[in-house]
Amino acid sequence: MKFLIIYLILINIITFIVFGADKLKAVKNKWRVPESVLLGLSLAGGSVGGIFGMYIFRHKTRKIAFKLLIPLFCIVHIILVYLLIR
């Protein structure tokens, strides 16, 4: 259980940072992080970091895939954690 908590904290921090880095790169017209990487990190457990990254950095908030999938991933992650704890 301790490993799971540490993993979820780290993947969410990493996802949040990658969203911020991609937004900075977008503003500076530099090489971007692929959307598949952003969604993949969110799917891998970083959905909370993805949601915070989207709204704090105002990044990918107009993309339908991000508006639907990341909250869906978050709901699934919450259910899975609940079932593991229970």
N, C-alpha and C. Protein backbone atom coordinates (compact mmCIF):
# COMPACT_ATOMS: atom_id res chain seq x y z
N MET A 1 0.82 -1.20 0.00
CA MET A 1 0.00 0.00 0.00
C MET A 1 0.87 1.26 0.00
N LYS A 2 1.96 1.22 0.75
CA LYS A 2 2.86 2.37 0.81
C LYS A 2 3.45 2.67 -0.58
N PHE A 3 3.80 1.62 -1.31
CA PHE A 3 4.33 1.80 -2.66
C PHE A 3 3.30 2.48 -3.57
N LEU A 4 2.04 2.08 -3.46
CA LEU A 4 0.98 2.66 -4.28
C LEU A 4 0.83 4.16 -3.99
N ILE A 5 0.84 4.53 -2.73
CA ILE A 5 0.71 5.94 -2.36
C ILE A 5 1.87 6.75 -2.89
N ILE A 6 3.08 6.24 -2.73
CA ILE A 6 4.27 6.95 -3.24
C ILE A 6 4.20 7.06 -4.76
N TYR A 7 3.81 5.97 -5.43
CA TYR A 7 3.68 5.99 -6.88
C TYR A 7 2.68 7.05 -7.34
N LEU A 8 1.50 7.07 -6.71
CA LEU A 8 0.46 8.03 -7.12
C LEU A 8 0.89 9.47 -6.89
N ILE A 9 1.57 9.72 -5.78
CA ILE A 9 2.07 11.08 -5.53
C ILE A 9 3.07 11.48 -6.60
N LEU A 10 4.03 10.60 -6.89
CA LEU A 10 5.07 10.92 -7.88
C LEU A 10 4.51 11.08 -9.29
N ILE A 11 3.63 10.18 -9.73
CA ILE A 11 3.10 10.27 -11.09
C ILE A 11 2.24 11.52 -11.25
N ASN A 12 1.55 11.94 -10.21
CA ASN A 12 0.75 13.16 -10.30
C ASN A 12 1.63 14.40 -10.34
N ILE A 13 2.70 14.42 -9.58
CA ILE A 13 3.64 15.54 -9.63
C ILE A 13 4.28 15.62 -11.01
N ILE A 14 4.72 14.48 -11.53
CA ILE A 14 5.35 14.44 -12.86
C ILE A 14 4.36 14.91 -13.93
N THR A 15 3.13 14.43 -13.87
CA THR A 15 2.12 14.81 -14.86
C THR A 15 1.86 16.31 -14.81
N PHE A 16 1.73 16.86 -13.62
CA PHE A 16 1.51 18.29 -13.45
C PHE A 16 2.68 19.08 -14.06
N ILE A 17 3.90 18.68 -13.79
CA ILE A 17 5.09 19.36 -14.32
C ILE A 17 5.13 19.27 -15.84
N VAL A 18 4.80 18.11 -16.40
CA VAL A 18 4.84 17.94 -17.85
C VAL A 18 3.77 18.82 -18.52
N PHE A 19 2.59 18.93 -17.92
CA PHE A 19 1.57 19.85 -18.45
C PHE A 19 2.10 21.28 -18.45
N GLY A 20 2.73 21.69 -17.35
CA GLY A 20 3.29 23.04 -17.27
C GLY A 20 4.40 23.27 -18.28
N ALA A 21 5.27 22.28 -18.44
CA ALA A 21 6.36 22.40 -19.41
C ALA A 21 5.82 22.50 -20.83
N ASP A 22 4.79 21.70 -21.14
CA ASP A 22 4.21 21.75 -22.48
C ASP A 22 3.55 23.10 -22.74
N LYS A 23 2.90 23.66 -21.75
CA LYS A 23 2.29 24.99 -21.92
C LYS A 23 3.37 26.03 -22.17
N LEU A 24 4.46 25.97 -21.42
CA LEU A 24 5.57 26.91 -21.62
C LEU A 24 6.15 26.77 -23.02
N LYS A 25 6.31 25.54 -23.48
CA LYS A 25 6.81 25.31 -24.83
C LYS A 25 5.84 25.82 -25.88
N ALA A 26 4.54 25.69 -25.62
CA ALA A 26 3.54 26.19 -26.57
C ALA A 26 3.62 27.70 -26.69
N VAL A 27 3.78 28.38 -25.58
CA VAL A 27 3.87 29.84 -25.58
C VAL A 27 5.12 30.30 -26.33
N LYS A 28 6.21 29.55 -26.20
CA LYS A 28 7.48 29.94 -26.84
C LYS A 28 7.65 29.34 -28.23
N ASN A 29 6.61 28.69 -28.76
CA ASN A 29 6.67 28.05 -30.08
C ASN A 29 7.84 27.08 -30.21
N LYS A 30 8.04 26.26 -29.21
CA LYS A 30 9.11 25.26 -29.21
C LYS A 30 8.51 23.88 -29.40
N TRP A 31 9.39 22.87 -29.45
CA TRP A 31 8.98 21.48 -29.58
C TRP A 31 8.03 21.15 -28.45
N ARG A 32 6.95 20.44 -28.76
CA ARG A 32 5.88 20.16 -27.79
C ARG A 32 5.89 18.71 -27.33
N VAL A 33 5.30 18.49 -26.18
CA VAL A 33 5.08 17.15 -25.66
C VAL A 33 3.87 16.59 -26.41
N PRO A 34 3.97 15.39 -26.98
CA PRO A 34 2.83 14.82 -27.69
C PRO A 34 1.62 14.65 -26.77
N GLU A 35 0.44 14.85 -27.33
CA GLU A 35 -0.79 14.68 -26.54
C GLU A 35 -0.91 13.28 -25.99
N SER A 36 -0.40 12.30 -26.73
CA SER A 36 -0.46 10.91 -26.26
C SER A 36 0.34 10.73 -24.97
N VAL A 37 1.41 11.48 -24.82
CA VAL A 37 2.21 11.41 -23.58
C VAL A 37 1.43 12.02 -22.42
N LEU A 38 0.81 13.17 -22.66
CA LEU A 38 0.01 13.82 -21.61
C LEU A 38 -1.14 12.92 -21.17
N LEU A 39 -1.84 12.34 -22.12
CA LEU A 39 -2.94 11.43 -21.79
C LEU A 39 -2.43 10.14 -21.16
N GLY A 40 -1.30 9.65 -21.64
CA GLY A 40 -0.71 8.43 -21.09
C GLY A 40 -0.30 8.59 -19.63
N LEU A 41 0.31 9.72 -19.31
CA LEU A 41 0.67 9.99 -17.92
C LEU A 41 -0.58 10.06 -17.04
N SER A 42 -1.62 10.69 -17.56
CA SER A 42 -2.87 10.78 -16.81
C SER A 42 -3.49 9.41 -16.61
N LEU A 43 -3.45 8.59 -17.63
CA LEU A 43 -3.99 7.23 -17.54
C LEU A 43 -3.18 6.37 -16.57
N ALA A 44 -1.88 6.60 -16.53
CA ALA A 44 -0.99 5.80 -15.68
C ALA A 44 -1.11 6.14 -14.20
N GLY A 45 -2.04 7.01 -13.85
CA GLY A 45 -2.26 7.35 -12.45
C GLY A 45 -2.13 8.82 -12.15
N GLY A 46 -1.76 9.61 -13.15
CA GLY A 46 -1.55 11.04 -12.94
C GLY A 46 -2.74 11.90 -13.30
N SER A 47 -3.93 11.37 -13.16
CA SER A 47 -5.12 12.11 -13.58
C SER A 47 -5.37 13.37 -12.74
N VAL A 48 -5.10 13.30 -11.45
CA VAL A 48 -5.29 14.49 -10.61
C VAL A 48 -4.29 15.57 -11.00
N GLY A 49 -3.04 15.18 -11.23
CA GLY A 49 -2.03 16.12 -11.71
C GLY A 49 -2.39 16.69 -13.06
N GLY A 50 -3.01 15.85 -13.92
CA GLY A 50 -3.45 16.31 -15.23
C GLY A 50 -4.57 17.34 -15.13
N ILE A 51 -5.53 17.09 -14.24
CA ILE A 51 -6.62 18.05 -14.06
C ILE A 51 -6.09 19.38 -13.53
N PHE A 52 -5.25 19.31 -12.50
CA PHE A 52 -4.67 20.55 -11.96
C PHE A 52 -3.82 21.25 -13.02
N GLY A 53 -3.05 20.49 -13.79
CA GLY A 53 -2.23 21.08 -14.85
C GLY A 53 -3.06 21.76 -15.92
N MET A 54 -4.17 21.13 -16.29
CA MET A 54 -5.04 21.71 -17.31
C MET A 54 -5.58 23.07 -16.86
N TYR A 55 -6.03 23.14 -15.63
CA TYR A 55 -6.73 24.35 -15.20
C TYR A 55 -5.81 25.40 -14.58
N ILE A 56 -4.74 25.01 -13.95
CA ILE A 56 -3.80 26.00 -13.43
C ILE A 56 -3.02 26.66 -14.56
N PHE A 57 -2.58 25.84 -15.53
CA PHE A 57 -1.82 26.39 -16.66
C PHE A 57 -2.72 26.80 -17.82
N ARG A 58 -4.01 26.57 -17.70
CA ARG A 58 -4.97 26.82 -18.79
C ARG A 58 -4.48 26.18 -20.09
N HIS A 59 -4.23 24.89 -19.98
CA HIS A 59 -3.63 24.15 -21.08
C HIS A 59 -4.49 22.95 -21.44
N LYS A 60 -4.82 22.83 -22.70
CA LYS A 60 -5.61 21.73 -23.27
C LYS A 60 -7.05 21.73 -22.76
N THR A 61 -7.52 22.84 -22.26
CA THR A 61 -8.88 22.90 -21.72
C THR A 61 -9.94 22.94 -22.81
N ARG A 62 -9.56 23.24 -24.03
CA ARG A 62 -10.53 23.25 -25.14
C ARG A 62 -10.58 21.93 -25.89
N LYS A 63 -9.62 21.06 -25.64
CA LYS A 63 -9.57 19.77 -26.33
C LYS A 63 -10.56 18.81 -25.70
N ILE A 64 -11.47 18.32 -26.51
CA ILE A 64 -12.55 17.45 -26.03
C ILE A 64 -11.98 16.18 -25.40
N ALA A 65 -10.94 15.61 -26.00
CA ALA A 65 -10.35 14.38 -25.45
C ALA A 65 -9.85 14.61 -24.03
N PHE A 66 -9.25 15.74 -23.79
CA PHE A 66 -8.72 16.05 -22.46
C PHE A 66 -9.86 16.35 -21.48
N LYS A 67 -10.86 17.08 -21.94
CA LYS A 67 -11.99 17.44 -21.07
C LYS A 67 -12.79 16.22 -20.64
N LEU A 68 -12.81 15.19 -21.47
CA LEU A 68 -13.58 13.99 -21.15
C LEU A 68 -12.73 12.89 -20.51
N LEU A 69 -11.58 12.61 -21.11
CA LEU A 69 -10.80 11.45 -20.68
C LEU A 69 -10.12 11.64 -19.32
N ILE A 70 -9.53 12.79 -19.09
CA ILE A 70 -8.79 12.95 -17.84
C ILE A 70 -9.72 12.87 -16.62
N PRO A 71 -10.88 13.54 -16.62
CA PRO A 71 -11.79 13.32 -15.48
C PRO A 71 -12.28 11.87 -15.38
N LEU A 72 -12.49 11.21 -16.52
CA LEU A 72 -12.87 9.81 -16.51
C LEU A 72 -11.78 8.96 -15.87
N PHE A 73 -10.52 9.21 -16.26
CA PHE A 73 -9.39 8.50 -15.65
C PHE A 73 -9.38 8.72 -14.14
N CYS A 74 -9.65 9.95 -13.73
CA CYS A 74 -9.64 10.29 -12.31
C CYS A 74 -10.71 9.50 -11.56
N ILE A 75 -11.89 9.42 -12.10
CA ILE A 75 -12.97 8.65 -11.47
C ILE A 75 -12.58 7.18 -11.36
N VAL A 76 -12.03 6.63 -12.42
CA VAL A 76 -11.60 5.23 -12.41
C VAL A 76 -10.51 5.02 -11.36
N HIS A 77 -9.55 5.94 -11.28
CA HIS A 77 -8.47 5.81 -10.29
C HIS A 77 -9.01 5.87 -8.87
N ILE A 78 -9.96 6.76 -8.62
CA ILE A 78 -10.55 6.86 -7.28
C ILE A 78 -11.26 5.55 -6.92
N ILE A 79 -12.01 5.00 -7.86
CA ILE A 79 -12.71 3.74 -7.61
C ILE A 79 -11.72 2.61 -7.34
N LEU A 80 -10.65 2.54 -8.15
CA LEU A 80 -9.65 1.48 -7.95
C LEU A 80 -8.95 1.60 -6.61
N VAL A 81 -8.59 2.81 -6.22
CA VAL A 81 -7.93 3.01 -4.92
C VAL A 81 -8.90 2.63 -3.80
N TYR A 82 -10.14 3.04 -3.93
CA TYR A 82 -11.15 2.69 -2.93
C TYR A 82 -11.27 1.17 -2.80
N LEU A 83 -11.33 0.48 -3.93
CA LEU A 83 -11.46 -0.99 -3.88
C LEU A 83 -10.23 -1.66 -3.30
N LEU A 84 -9.06 -1.10 -3.56
CA LEU A 84 -7.82 -1.66 -3.00
C LEU A 84 -7.76 -1.45 -1.49
N ILE A 85 -8.20 -0.31 -1.04
CA ILE A 85 -8.16 -0.01 0.39
C ILE A 85 -9.20 -0.85 1.13
N ARG A 86 -10.35 -0.98 0.53
CA ARG A 86 -11.43 -1.74 1.14
C ARG A 86 -11.08 -3.19 1.17
